[in-house]
Amino acid sequence: MHKTQCLIIGGGPAGLSAAIYAARAGLETQIVGCDPKVAGDYDIDNYFGFEATITGKELITRGRRQAAKFGTQIDCEKVLGVHHGEAGGFVVKTDVREFEACAVILATGVARSKPNIPDLAAFEGKGVSYCVSCDGYFYKGKPVVVAGEGLFAANQALELLAYTPNVRICTLGKAPSYPPDIARKLDEAGIAVLQSKITSLTGELDLSGLAGLKRIGLSDGTTLEAHGLFIALGEASSTDFAYTLGVERNGNFIQVDREMCTNIPGVFAAGDCTGGFLQISVAVGEGALAARSAIAHVKSTCPKARPVQTEG
């Protein structure tokens, strides 16, 4: 288990800005995240202080160098889950290792859209879930399906084995994109991977009079018995982590106060994942605010800071 005081999920403008402030204040600071969308072929000509157009890639490169200058550790790893630690703090699991952190800043950008599955919204909370650690318990011994093609979906399927042996993955028509060793784990666990699209969700009335999911129809004509459908598209997002941690959300966005604090002490959010004006300059400012709040939390909860850098 790798320990750090402040772990930032996301290496875009918000995450890098937060890292610069946190590391400069003396916190052990770790960024986990690969190239953000803005690091692609984007030309930026409305960012303060840059008279000439700068590419997104160059801006991110400069931000990384600046964060590293103050001692930030930056690693390209995929975060699979974030959980409350048994002794306080948080445990962050990536595709490579696990971290223990006193504070977590969520800065992964805008949450992905929901899959185009008929009647998906009607079954949310009645069979459709977005959080294994939140709802897996309710499906003990029951057949469940995980929707998604990537490493995140595979990890969620493997986690569900703690509750039920009857787990399948449906990639919604896409080719699986997880590595061979994960494919081997799924095979050894008996988790079938189906590449058809989901075309229907059907249920039955339970004792409370609510419709609970019972069957899933696939595009190949197959009907699966399934009491639970866990959505895990692409890579895990800030919204996925928010579900697990109990962070309040407003639709696909994380709810924060003016200091970028969530309702969970020690969890902060910044950038596009909080909604509002989705601009780089706003993300940078929010990252600074989130870091300030995280610094205060760490120093009051689990202080172990390095000497503070002085101005100049």
C-alpha atoms as a PDB file:
ATOM      1  CA  MET A   1       0.000   0.000   0.000  1.00  0.00           C
ATOM      2  CA  HIS A   2       1.441   3.351  -1.080  1.00  0.00           C
ATOM      3  CA  LYS A   3       0.669   6.224   1.292  1.00  0.00           C
ATOM      4  CA  THR A   4       0.246   9.895   0.427  1.00  0.00           C
ATOM      5  CA  GLN A   5      -1.419  12.856   2.072  1.00  0.00           C
ATOM      6  CA  CYS A   6      -3.246  14.262  -0.952  1.00  0.00           C
ATOM      7  CA  LEU A   7      -4.231  12.110  -3.912  1.00  0.00           C
ATOM      8  CA  ILE A   8      -5.603  13.828  -7.002  1.00  0.00           C
ATOM      9  CA  ILE A   9      -7.544  11.797  -9.555  1.00  0.00           C
ATOM     10  CA  GLY A  10      -7.134  13.450 -12.939  1.00  0.00           C
ATOM     11  CA  GLY A  11      -4.199  15.146 -14.617  1.00  0.00           C
ATOM     12  CA  GLY A  12      -5.978  17.934 -16.454  1.00  0.00           C
ATOM     13  CA  PRO A  13      -5.912  21.678 -15.671  1.00  0.00           C
ATOM     14  CA  ALA A  14      -7.898  21.314 -12.417  1.00  0.00           C
ATOM     15  CA  GLY A  15      -5.833  18.396 -11.123  1.00  0.00           C
ATOM     16  CA  LEU A  16      -2.490  19.950 -12.029  1.00  0.00           C
ATOM     17  CA  SER A  17      -3.453  23.298 -10.500  1.00  0.00           C
ATOM     18  CA  ALA A  18      -4.501  21.556  -7.291  1.00  0.00           C
ATOM     19  CA  ALA A  19      -1.224  19.629  -7.236  1.00  0.00           C
ATOM     20  CA  ILE A  20       0.864  22.779  -7.629  1.00  0.00           C
ATOM     21  CA  TYR A  21      -0.808  24.406  -4.630  1.00  0.00           C
ATOM     22  CA  ALA A  22      -0.863  21.265  -2.463  1.00  0.00           C
ATOM     23  CA  ALA A  23       2.738  20.275  -3.116  1.00  0.00           C
ATOM     24  CA  ARG A  24       3.983  23.829  -2.724  1.00  0.00           C
ATOM     25  CA  ALA A  25       2.306  23.910   0.705  1.00  0.00           C
ATOM     26  CA  GLY A  26       4.368  20.905   1.731  1.00  0.00           C
ATOM     27  CA  LEU A  27       1.862  18.081   1.283  1.00  0.00           C
ATOM     28  CA  GLU A  28       2.864  14.714  -0.084  1.00  0.00           C
ATOM     29  CA  THR A  29       0.948  14.964  -3.343  1.00  0.00           C
ATOM     30  CA  GLN A  30       0.154  12.267  -5.901  1.00  0.00           C
ATOM     31  CA  ILE A  31      -1.630  12.664  -9.239  1.00  0.00           C
ATOM     32  CA  VAL A  32      -3.104   9.537 -10.797  1.00  0.00           C
ATOM     33  CA  GLY A  33      -4.353   9.958 -14.341  1.00  0.00           C
ATOM     34  CA  CYS A  34      -3.267   9.843 -17.966  1.00  0.00           C
ATOM     35  CA  ASP A  35      -3.567  12.411 -20.768  1.00  0.00           C
ATOM     36  CA  PRO A  36      -6.758  14.491 -20.425  1.00  0.00           C
ATOM     37  CA  LYS A  37      -8.857  15.393 -23.456  1.00  0.00           C
ATOM     38  CA  VAL A  38      -7.396  18.881 -23.600  1.00  0.00           C
ATOM     39  CA  ALA A  39      -3.943  17.383 -24.230  1.00  0.00           C
ATOM     40  CA  GLY A  40      -5.074  16.439 -27.739  1.00  0.00           C
ATOM     41  CA  ASP A  41      -4.947  18.659 -30.815  1.00  0.00           C
ATOM     42  CA  TYR A  42      -6.610  21.647 -29.193  1.00  0.00           C
ATOM     43  CA  ASP A  43      -5.552  25.222 -29.926  1.00  0.00           C
ATOM     44  CA  ILE A  44      -6.111  27.598 -27.021  1.00  0.00           C
ATOM     45  CA  ASP A  45      -6.060  31.329 -27.686  1.00  0.00           C
ATOM     46  CA  ASN A  46      -8.216  32.752 -24.878  1.00  0.00           C
ATOM     47  CA  TYR A  47      -6.150  31.744 -21.846  1.00  0.00           C
ATOM     48  CA  PHE A  48      -4.872  34.587 -19.708  1.00  0.00           C
ATOM     49  CA  GLY A  49      -1.181  35.410 -20.169  1.00  0.00           C
ATOM     50  CA  PHE A  50      -0.721  33.631 -23.502  1.00  0.00           C
ATOM     51  CA  GLU A  51      -0.864  36.205 -26.289  1.00  0.00           C
ATOM     52  CA  ALA A  52       0.130  33.588 -28.845  1.00  0.00           C
ATOM     53  CA  THR A  53      -1.992  30.479 -29.327  1.00  0.00           C
ATOM     54  CA  ILE A  54      -0.852  27.518 -27.250  1.00  0.00           C
ATOM     55  CA  THR A  55      -1.832  23.898 -27.796  1.00  0.00           C
ATOM     56  CA  GLY A  56      -3.566  21.906 -25.111  1.00  0.00           C
ATOM     57  CA  LYS A  57      -0.692  19.440 -25.114  1.00  0.00           C
ATOM     58  CA  GLU A  58       1.876  22.169 -24.447  1.00  0.00           C
ATOM     59  CA  LEU A  59      -0.223  23.700 -21.674  1.00  0.00           C
ATOM     60  CA  ILE A  60      -0.565  20.329 -19.926  1.00  0.00           C
ATOM     61  CA  THR A  61       3.159  19.617 -20.370  1.00  0.00           C
ATOM     62  CA  ARG A  62       4.023  22.923 -18.718  1.00  0.00           C
ATOM     63  CA  GLY A  63       1.572  22.221 -15.900  1.00  0.00           C
ATOM     64  CA  ARG A  64       3.128  18.822 -15.261  1.00  0.00           C
ATOM     65  CA  ARG A  65       6.616  20.275 -15.125  1.00  0.00           C
ATOM     66  CA  GLN A  66       5.468  22.916 -12.676  1.00  0.00           C
ATOM     67  CA  ALA A  67       3.698  20.395 -10.429  1.00  0.00           C
ATOM     68  CA  ALA A  68       6.712  18.074 -10.492  1.00  0.00           C
ATOM     69  CA  LYS A  69       8.982  21.003  -9.606  1.00  0.00           C
ATOM     70  CA  PHE A  70       7.259  21.250  -6.232  1.00  0.00           C
ATOM     71  CA  GLY A  71       7.448  17.496  -5.601  1.00  0.00           C
ATOM     72  CA  THR A  72       4.231  16.120  -7.048  1.00  0.00           C
ATOM     73  CA  GLN A  73       4.398  12.480  -8.116  1.00  0.00           C
ATOM     74  CA  ILE A  74       2.517  12.032 -11.411  1.00  0.00           C
ATOM     75  CA  ASP A  75       1.663   8.547 -12.702  1.00  0.00           C
ATOM     76  CA  CYS A  76      -0.420   7.413 -15.656  1.00  0.00           C
ATOM     77  CA  GLU A  77      -2.600   4.782 -14.009  1.00  0.00           C
ATOM     78  CA  LYS A  78      -6.296   4.030 -14.366  1.00  0.00           C
ATOM     79  CA  VAL A  79      -8.271   4.438 -11.156  1.00  0.00           C
ATOM     80  CA  LEU A  80     -10.706   1.576 -10.698  1.00  0.00           C
ATOM     81  CA  GLY A  81     -12.242   2.497  -7.365  1.00  0.00           C
ATOM     82  CA  VAL A  82     -12.130   4.778  -4.337  1.00  0.00           C
ATOM     83  CA  HIS A  83     -13.314   3.610  -0.929  1.00  0.00           C
ATOM     84  CA  HIS A  84     -13.395   4.815   2.641  1.00  0.00           C
ATOM     85  CA  GLY A  85     -10.462   3.413   4.621  1.00  0.00           C
ATOM     86  CA  GLU A  86     -11.210   1.211   7.632  1.00  0.00           C
ATOM     87  CA  ALA A  87      -9.086   3.467   9.875  1.00  0.00           C
ATOM     88  CA  GLY A  88     -10.104   6.726   8.216  1.00  0.00           C
ATOM     89  CA  GLY A  89      -8.897   8.355   5.044  1.00  0.00           C
ATOM     90  CA  PHE A  90      -9.402   6.724   1.668  1.00  0.00           C
ATOM     91  CA  VAL A  91      -8.143   3.759  -0.320  1.00  0.00           C
ATOM     92  CA  VAL A  92      -7.671   4.308  -4.054  1.00  0.00           C
ATOM     93  CA  LYS A  93      -7.260   1.259  -6.272  1.00  0.00           C
ATOM     94  CA  THR A  94      -5.644   1.595  -9.706  1.00  0.00           C
ATOM     95  CA  ASP A  95      -4.813  -0.935 -12.377  1.00  0.00           C
ATOM     96  CA  VAL A  96      -1.288  -1.054 -10.919  1.00  0.00           C
ATOM     97  CA  ARG A  97      -1.482  -0.670  -7.117  1.00  0.00           C
ATOM     98  CA  GLU A  98      -3.357   0.762  -4.147  1.00  0.00           C
ATOM     99  CA  PHE A  99      -2.928   4.079  -2.359  1.00  0.00           C
ATOM    100  CA  GLU A 100      -3.916   5.234   1.089  1.00  0.00           C
ATOM    101  CA  ALA A 101      -4.666   8.961   1.218  1.00  0.00           C
ATOM    102  CA  CYS A 102      -5.823  11.460   3.814  1.00  0.00           C
ATOM    103  CA  ALA A 103      -7.534  13.670   1.222  1.00  0.00           C
ATOM    104  CA  VAL A 104      -8.820  12.992  -2.286  1.00  0.00           C
ATOM    105  CA  ILE A 105      -9.470  15.586  -4.982  1.00  0.00           C
ATOM    106  CA  LEU A 106     -11.708  14.435  -7.838  1.00  0.00           C
ATOM    107  CA  ALA A 107     -10.747  16.166 -11.095  1.00  0.00           C
ATOM    108  CA  THR A 108     -11.508  13.713 -13.879  1.00  0.00           C
ATOM    109  CA  GLY A 109     -13.540  16.033 -16.084  1.00  0.00           C
ATOM    110  CA  VAL A 110     -17.114  15.597 -17.249  1.00  0.00           C
ATOM    111  CA  ALA A 111     -18.740  12.280 -16.442  1.00  0.00           C
ATOM    112  CA  ARG A 112     -19.545  10.111 -19.418  1.00  0.00           C
ATOM    113  CA  SER A 113     -23.082   9.831 -20.760  1.00  0.00           C
ATOM    114  CA  LYS A 114     -25.348   6.932 -19.926  1.00  0.00           C
ATOM    115  CA  PRO A 115     -25.721   4.067 -22.387  1.00  0.00           C
ATOM    116  CA  ASN A 116     -28.627   4.087 -24.799  1.00  0.00           C
ATOM    117  CA  ILE A 117     -30.619   1.269 -23.216  1.00  0.00           C
ATOM    118  CA  PRO A 118     -34.431   1.362 -23.417  1.00  0.00           C
ATOM    119  CA  ASP A 119     -36.156   2.012 -20.046  1.00  0.00           C
ATOM    120  CA  LEU A 120     -32.816   2.433 -18.258  1.00  0.00           C
ATOM    121  CA  ALA A 121     -34.038   5.365 -16.153  1.00  0.00           C
ATOM    122  CA  ALA A 122     -37.232   3.526 -15.181  1.00  0.00           C
ATOM    123  CA  PHE A 123     -35.191   0.777 -13.527  1.00  0.00           C
ATOM    124  CA  GLU A 124     -32.619   2.956 -11.767  1.00  0.00           C
ATOM    125  CA  GLY A 125     -32.769   1.989  -8.110  1.00  0.00           C
ATOM    126  CA  LYS A 126     -34.916  -1.010  -9.051  1.00  0.00           C
ATOM    127  CA  GLY A 127     -32.225  -3.176 -10.588  1.00  0.00           C
ATOM    128  CA  VAL A 128     -30.029  -0.693 -12.436  1.00  0.00           C
ATOM    129  CA  SER A 129     -27.057   0.508 -10.393  1.00  0.00           C
ATOM    130  CA  TYR A 130     -23.845   2.478 -10.902  1.00  0.00           C
ATOM    131  CA  CYS A 131     -22.014   1.324  -7.779  1.00  0.00           C
ATOM    132  CA  VAL A 132     -21.022  -2.236  -6.845  1.00  0.00           C
ATOM    133  CA  SER A 133     -19.796  -1.346  -3.364  1.00  0.00           C
ATOM    134  CA  CYS A 134     -23.079   0.517  -2.718  1.00  0.00           C
ATOM    135  CA  ASP A 135     -25.564  -2.025  -4.049  1.00  0.00           C
ATOM    136  CA  GLY A 136     -23.800  -5.355  -4.572  1.00  0.00           C
ATOM    137  CA  TYR A 137     -25.100  -6.597  -1.210  1.00  0.00           C
ATOM    138  CA  PHE A 138     -28.700  -6.435  -2.456  1.00  0.00           C
ATOM    139  CA  TYR A 139     -27.978  -9.041  -5.141  1.00  0.00           C
ATOM    140  CA  LYS A 140     -26.543 -11.815  -3.001  1.00  0.00           C
ATOM    141  CA  GLY A 141     -26.790 -15.048  -4.941  1.00  0.00           C
ATOM    142  CA  LYS A 142     -28.771 -13.413  -7.743  1.00  0.00           C
ATOM    143  CA  PRO A 143     -27.871 -13.170 -11.458  1.00  0.00           C
ATOM    144  CA  VAL A 144     -26.320  -9.832 -12.414  1.00  0.00           C
ATOM    145  CA  VAL A 145     -24.869  -8.223 -15.530  1.00  0.00           C
ATOM    146  CA  VAL A 146     -22.192  -5.539 -15.844  1.00  0.00           C
ATOM    147  CA  ALA A 147     -22.523  -3.245 -18.878  1.00  0.00           C
ATOM    148  CA  GLY A 148     -19.205  -2.014 -20.228  1.00  0.00           C
ATOM    149  CA  GLU A 149     -16.262  -3.004 -22.393  1.00  0.00           C
ATOM    150  CA  GLY A 150     -13.213  -1.808 -20.462  1.00  0.00           C
ATOM    151  CA  LEU A 151     -11.076  -2.475 -17.436  1.00  0.00           C
ATOM    152  CA  PHE A 152     -13.528  -0.657 -15.188  1.00  0.00           C
ATOM    153  CA  ALA A 153     -16.336  -3.056 -16.146  1.00  0.00           C
ATOM    154  CA  ALA A 154     -14.080  -6.087 -15.690  1.00  0.00           C
ATOM    155  CA  ASN A 155     -13.041  -4.912 -12.234  1.00  0.00           C
ATOM    156  CA  GLN A 156     -16.675  -4.315 -11.250  1.00  0.00           C
ATOM    157  CA  ALA A 157     -17.591  -7.809 -12.407  1.00  0.00           C
ATOM    158  CA  LEU A 158     -14.794  -9.348 -10.342  1.00  0.00           C
ATOM    159  CA  GLU A 159     -15.887  -7.328  -7.292  1.00  0.00           C
ATOM    160  CA  LEU A 160     -19.439  -8.648  -7.670  1.00  0.00           C
ATOM    161  CA  LEU A 161     -18.162 -12.183  -7.068  1.00  0.00           C
ATOM    162  CA  ALA A 162     -18.056 -11.273  -3.369  1.00  0.00           C
ATOM    163  CA  TYR A 163     -21.863 -11.208  -3.501  1.00  0.00           C
ATOM    164  CA  THR A 164     -22.902 -13.649  -6.207  1.00  0.00           C
ATOM    165  CA  PRO A 165     -21.286 -16.300  -8.438  1.00  0.00           C
ATOM    166  CA  ASN A 166     -23.710 -15.504 -11.268  1.00  0.00           C
ATOM    167  CA  VAL A 167     -21.999 -12.584 -13.028  1.00  0.00           C
ATOM    168  CA  ARG A 168     -21.811 -11.732 -16.730  1.00  0.00           C
ATOM    169  CA  ILE A 169     -20.423  -8.812 -18.715  1.00  0.00           C
ATOM    170  CA  CYS A 170     -22.197  -7.256 -21.689  1.00  0.00           C
ATOM    171  CA  THR A 171     -19.983  -4.973 -23.798  1.00  0.00           C
ATOM    172  CA  LEU A 172     -22.956  -3.342 -25.580  1.00  0.00           C
ATOM    173  CA  GLY A 173     -21.683  -4.225 -29.039  1.00  0.00           C
ATOM    174  CA  LYS A 174     -18.094  -3.115 -28.471  1.00  0.00           C
ATOM    175  CA  ALA A 175     -14.948  -5.230 -28.436  1.00  0.00           C
ATOM    176  CA  PRO A 176     -13.504  -5.842 -24.942  1.00  0.00           C
ATOM    177  CA  SER A 177     -10.602  -3.478 -24.196  1.00  0.00           C
ATOM    178  CA  TYR A 178      -9.060  -4.925 -21.051  1.00  0.00           C
ATOM    179  CA  PRO A 179      -5.617  -6.612 -21.012  1.00  0.00           C
ATOM    180  CA  PRO A 180      -5.033 -10.385 -21.413  1.00  0.00           C
ATOM    181  CA  ASP A 181      -4.336 -10.986 -17.721  1.00  0.00           C
ATOM    182  CA  ILE A 182      -7.746  -9.520 -16.833  1.00  0.00           C
ATOM    183  CA  ALA A 183      -9.420 -11.627 -19.537  1.00  0.00           C
ATOM    184  CA  ARG A 184      -7.770 -14.642 -17.957  1.00  0.00           C
ATOM    185  CA  LYS A 185      -9.115 -13.710 -14.508  1.00  0.00           C
ATOM    186  CA  LEU A 186     -12.634 -13.353 -15.910  1.00  0.00           C
ATOM    187  CA  ASP A 187     -12.377 -16.728 -17.605  1.00  0.00           C
ATOM    188  CA  GLU A 188     -11.066 -18.417 -14.470  1.00  0.00           C
ATOM    189  CA  ALA A 189     -13.906 -16.877 -12.467  1.00  0.00           C
ATOM    190  CA  GLY A 190     -16.477 -18.155 -14.946  1.00  0.00           C
ATOM    191  CA  ILE A 191     -17.627 -14.661 -15.965  1.00  0.00           C
ATOM    192  CA  ALA A 192     -18.973 -14.817 -19.512  1.00  0.00           C
ATOM    193  CA  VAL A 193     -18.391 -11.819 -21.782  1.00  0.00           C
ATOM    194  CA  LEU A 194     -21.213 -11.097 -24.243  1.00  0.00           C
ATOM    195  CA  GLN A 195     -20.738  -8.554 -27.040  1.00  0.00           C
ATOM    196  CA  SER A 196     -24.391  -8.018 -28.001  1.00  0.00           C
ATOM    197  CA  LYS A 197     -26.270  -4.792 -27.357  1.00  0.00           C
ATOM    198  CA  ILE A 198     -28.962  -4.587 -24.681  1.00  0.00           C
ATOM    199  CA  THR A 199     -32.317  -3.999 -26.365  1.00  0.00           C
ATOM    200  CA  SER A 200     -34.780  -4.341 -23.500  1.00  0.00           C
ATOM    201  CA  LEU A 201     -35.196  -4.390 -19.728  1.00  0.00           C
ATOM    202  CA  THR A 202     -38.214  -6.094 -18.195  1.00  0.00           C
ATOM    203  CA  GLY A 203     -39.314  -6.636 -14.624  1.00  0.00           C
ATOM    204  CA  GLU A 204     -42.011  -7.820 -12.281  1.00  0.00           C
ATOM    205  CA  LEU A 205     -43.885  -6.223  -9.405  1.00  0.00           C
ATOM    206  CA  ASP A 206     -42.401  -6.937  -5.986  1.00  0.00           C
ATOM    207  CA  LEU A 207     -44.171  -6.865  -2.611  1.00  0.00           C
ATOM    208  CA  SER A 208     -43.960  -3.078  -2.442  1.00  0.00           C
ATOM    209  CA  GLY A 209     -45.645  -2.700  -5.811  1.00  0.00           C
ATOM    210  CA  LEU A 210     -42.496  -1.491  -7.562  1.00  0.00           C
ATOM    211  CA  ALA A 211     -41.131  -3.015 -10.736  1.00  0.00           C
ATOM    212  CA  GLY A 212     -37.839  -4.808 -10.120  1.00  0.00           C
ATOM    213  CA  LEU A 213     -35.550  -5.865 -12.965  1.00  0.00           C
ATOM    214  CA  LYS A 214     -35.814  -9.536 -13.870  1.00  0.00           C
ATOM    215  CA  ARG A 215     -34.699  -9.969 -17.495  1.00  0.00           C
ATOM    216  CA  ILE A 216     -32.440  -8.350 -20.063  1.00  0.00           C
ATOM    217  CA  GLY A 217     -33.008  -8.741 -23.808  1.00  0.00           C
ATOM    218  CA  LEU A 218     -30.028  -8.759 -26.193  1.00  0.00           C
ATOM    219  CA  SER A 219     -29.730  -7.855 -29.867  1.00  0.00           C
ATOM    220  CA  ASP A 220     -28.923 -11.474 -30.803  1.00  0.00           C
ATOM    221  CA  GLY A 221     -32.364 -12.541 -29.555  1.00  0.00           C
ATOM    222  CA  THR A 222     -31.077 -13.926 -26.241  1.00  0.00           C
ATOM    223  CA  THR A 223     -32.911 -13.179 -23.005  1.00  0.00           C
ATOM    224  CA  LEU A 224     -30.894 -13.200 -19.789  1.00  0.00           C
ATOM    225  CA  GLU A 225     -32.252 -13.590 -16.295  1.00  0.00           C
ATOM    226  CA  ALA A 226     -30.790 -10.611 -14.434  1.00  0.00           C
ATOM    227  CA  HIS A 227     -31.925  -8.979 -11.198  1.00  0.00           C
ATOM    228  CA  GLY A 228     -29.148  -6.402 -11.332  1.00  0.00           C
ATOM    229  CA  LEU A 229     -27.554  -4.366 -14.129  1.00  0.00           C
ATOM    230  CA  PHE A 230     -24.398  -2.458 -13.158  1.00  0.00           C
ATOM    231  CA  ILE A 231     -23.354   0.321 -15.555  1.00  0.00           C
ATOM    232  CA  ALA A 232     -19.559   0.627 -15.935  1.00  0.00           C
ATOM    233  CA  LEU A 233     -18.767   2.176 -19.309  1.00  0.00           C
ATOM    234  CA  GLY A 234     -15.239   3.064 -20.405  1.00  0.00           C
ATOM    235  CA  GLU A 235     -13.095   4.258 -17.512  1.00  0.00           C
ATOM    236  CA  ALA A 236     -14.318   5.132 -14.038  1.00  0.00           C
ATOM    237  CA  SER A 237     -15.304   8.797 -13.650  1.00  0.00           C
ATOM    238  CA  SER A 238     -15.685  11.213 -10.775  1.00  0.00           C
ATOM    239  CA  THR A 239     -19.389  10.363 -10.728  1.00  0.00           C
ATOM    240  CA  ASP A 240     -18.594   6.673 -10.224  1.00  0.00           C
ATOM    241  CA  PHE A 241     -16.304   7.510  -7.311  1.00  0.00           C
ATOM    242  CA  ALA A 242     -18.950   9.829  -5.901  1.00  0.00           C
ATOM    243  CA  TYR A 243     -21.491   6.986  -5.844  1.00  0.00           C
ATOM    244  CA  THR A 244     -19.076   4.793  -3.900  1.00  0.00           C
ATOM    245  CA  LEU A 245     -18.079   7.446  -1.376  1.00  0.00           C
ATOM    246  CA  GLY A 246     -21.576   8.822  -0.792  1.00  0.00           C
ATOM    247  CA  VAL A 247     -20.782  12.190  -2.354  1.00  0.00           C
ATOM    248  CA  GLU A 248     -23.841  14.245  -3.285  1.00  0.00           C
ATOM    249  CA  ARG A 249     -24.388  14.795  -7.000  1.00  0.00           C
ATOM    250  CA  ASN A 250     -26.490  17.018  -9.195  1.00  0.00           C
ATOM    251  CA  GLY A 251     -27.168  14.848 -12.220  1.00  0.00           C
ATOM    252  CA  ASN A 252     -23.802  13.939 -13.731  1.00  0.00           C
ATOM    253  CA  PHE A 253     -21.983  16.604 -11.727  1.00  0.00           C
ATOM    254  CA  ILE A 254     -20.509  16.561  -8.234  1.00  0.00           C
ATOM    255  CA  GLN A 255     -22.037  18.991  -5.772  1.00  0.00           C
ATOM    256  CA  VAL A 256     -19.507  21.237  -4.019  1.00  0.00           C
ATOM    257  CA  ASP A 257     -19.582  24.408  -1.957  1.00  0.00           C
ATOM    258  CA  ARG A 258     -17.648  27.598  -2.708  1.00  0.00           C
ATOM    259  CA  GLU A 259     -14.473  26.034  -1.306  1.00  0.00           C
ATOM    260  CA  MET A 260     -14.829  22.935  -3.549  1.00  0.00           C
ATOM    261  CA  CYS A 261     -15.691  20.748  -0.547  1.00  0.00           C
ATOM    262  CA  THR A 262     -18.149  17.877  -1.011  1.00  0.00           C
ATOM    263  CA  ASN A 263     -20.454  16.623   1.720  1.00  0.00           C
ATOM    264  CA  ILE A 264     -17.831  14.004   2.645  1.00  0.00           C
ATOM    265  CA  PRO A 265     -14.959  15.363   4.784  1.00  0.00           C
ATOM    266  CA  GLY A 266     -11.656  14.843   2.993  1.00  0.00           C
ATOM    267  CA  VAL A 267     -13.188  14.606  -0.486  1.00  0.00           C
ATOM    268  CA  PHE A 268     -12.962  17.626  -2.785  1.00  0.00           C
ATOM    269  CA  ALA A 269     -13.749  18.178  -6.457  1.00  0.00           C
ATOM    270  CA  ALA A 270     -12.660  20.653  -9.111  1.00  0.00           C
ATOM    271  CA  GLY A 271     -13.023  21.338 -12.805  1.00  0.00           C
ATOM    272  CA  ASP A 272     -15.587  20.144 -15.314  1.00  0.00           C
ATOM    273  CA  CYS A 273     -16.864  17.368 -13.029  1.00  0.00           C
ATOM    274  CA  THR A 274     -18.504  20.059 -10.864  1.00  0.00           C
ATOM    275  CA  GLY A 275     -20.488  21.589 -13.734  1.00  0.00           C
ATOM    276  CA  GLY A 276     -20.747  25.333 -14.288  1.00  0.00           C
ATOM    277  CA  PHE A 277     -18.695  27.187 -16.909  1.00  0.00           C
ATOM    278  CA  LEU A 278     -16.582  24.427 -18.494  1.00  0.00           C
ATOM    279  CA  GLN A 279     -13.447  26.419 -19.257  1.00  0.00           C
ATOM    280  CA  ILE A 280      -9.762  25.798 -18.537  1.00  0.00           C
ATOM    281  CA  SER A 281      -9.413  29.042 -16.596  1.00  0.00           C
ATOM    282  CA  VAL A 282     -12.308  28.068 -14.333  1.00  0.00           C
ATOM    283  CA  ALA A 283     -10.863  24.583 -13.795  1.00  0.00           C
ATOM    284  CA  VAL A 284      -7.493  26.046 -12.801  1.00  0.00           C
ATOM    285  CA  GLY A 285      -9.136  28.345 -10.256  1.00  0.00           C
ATOM    286  CA  GLU A 286     -11.260  25.560  -8.825  1.00  0.00           C
ATOM    287  CA  GLY A 287      -8.182  23.354  -8.548  1.00  0.00           C
ATOM    288  CA  ALA A 288      -6.477  26.010  -6.431  1.00  0.00           C
ATOM    289  CA  LEU A 289      -9.528  26.294  -4.161  1.00  0.00           C
ATOM    290  CA  ALA A 290      -9.816  22.503  -3.805  1.00  0.00           C
ATOM    291  CA  ALA A 291      -6.137  22.323  -2.873  1.00  0.00           C
ATOM    292  CA  ARG A 292      -6.528  25.029  -0.235  1.00  0.00           C
ATOM    293  CA  SER A 293      -9.381  23.094   1.340  1.00  0.00           C
ATOM    294  CA  ALA A 294      -7.436  19.827   1.124  1.00  0.00           C
ATOM    295  CA  ILE A 295      -4.389  21.446   2.736  1.00  0.00           C
ATOM    296  CA  ALA A 296      -6.493  22.596   5.698  1.00  0.00           C
ATOM    297  CA  HIS A 297      -8.066  19.142   6.035  1.00  0.00           C
ATOM    298  CA  VAL A 298      -4.749  17.276   5.917  1.00  0.00           C
ATOM    299  CA  LYS A 299      -3.013  19.578   8.382  1.00  0.00           C
ATOM    300  CA  SER A 300      -5.871  19.237  10.873  1.00  0.00           C
ATOM    301  CA  THR A 301      -6.487  15.517  10.369  1.00  0.00           C
ATOM    302  CA  CYS A 302      -3.216  13.788   9.474  1.00  0.00           C
ATOM    303  CA  PRO A 303      -0.346  16.298   9.457  1.00  0.00           C
ATOM    304  CA  LYS A 304       2.999  15.152   8.175  1.00  0.00           C
ATOM    305  CA  ALA A 305       3.851  17.989   5.848  1.00  0.00           C
ATOM    306  CA  ARG A 306       7.222  18.940   4.421  1.00  0.00           C
ATOM    307  CA  PRO A 307       8.502  22.488   4.957  1.00  0.00           C
ATOM    308  CA  VAL A 308       6.384  25.052   3.119  1.00  0.00           C
ATOM    309  CA  GLN A 309       7.941  26.606   0.026  1.00  0.00           C
ATOM    310  CA  THR A 310       8.494  30.351   0.355  1.00  0.00           C
ATOM    311  CA  GLU A 311       7.564  32.937  -2.242  1.00  0.00           C
ATOM    312  CA  GLY A 312      10.115  33.776  -4.938  1.00  0.00           C
END
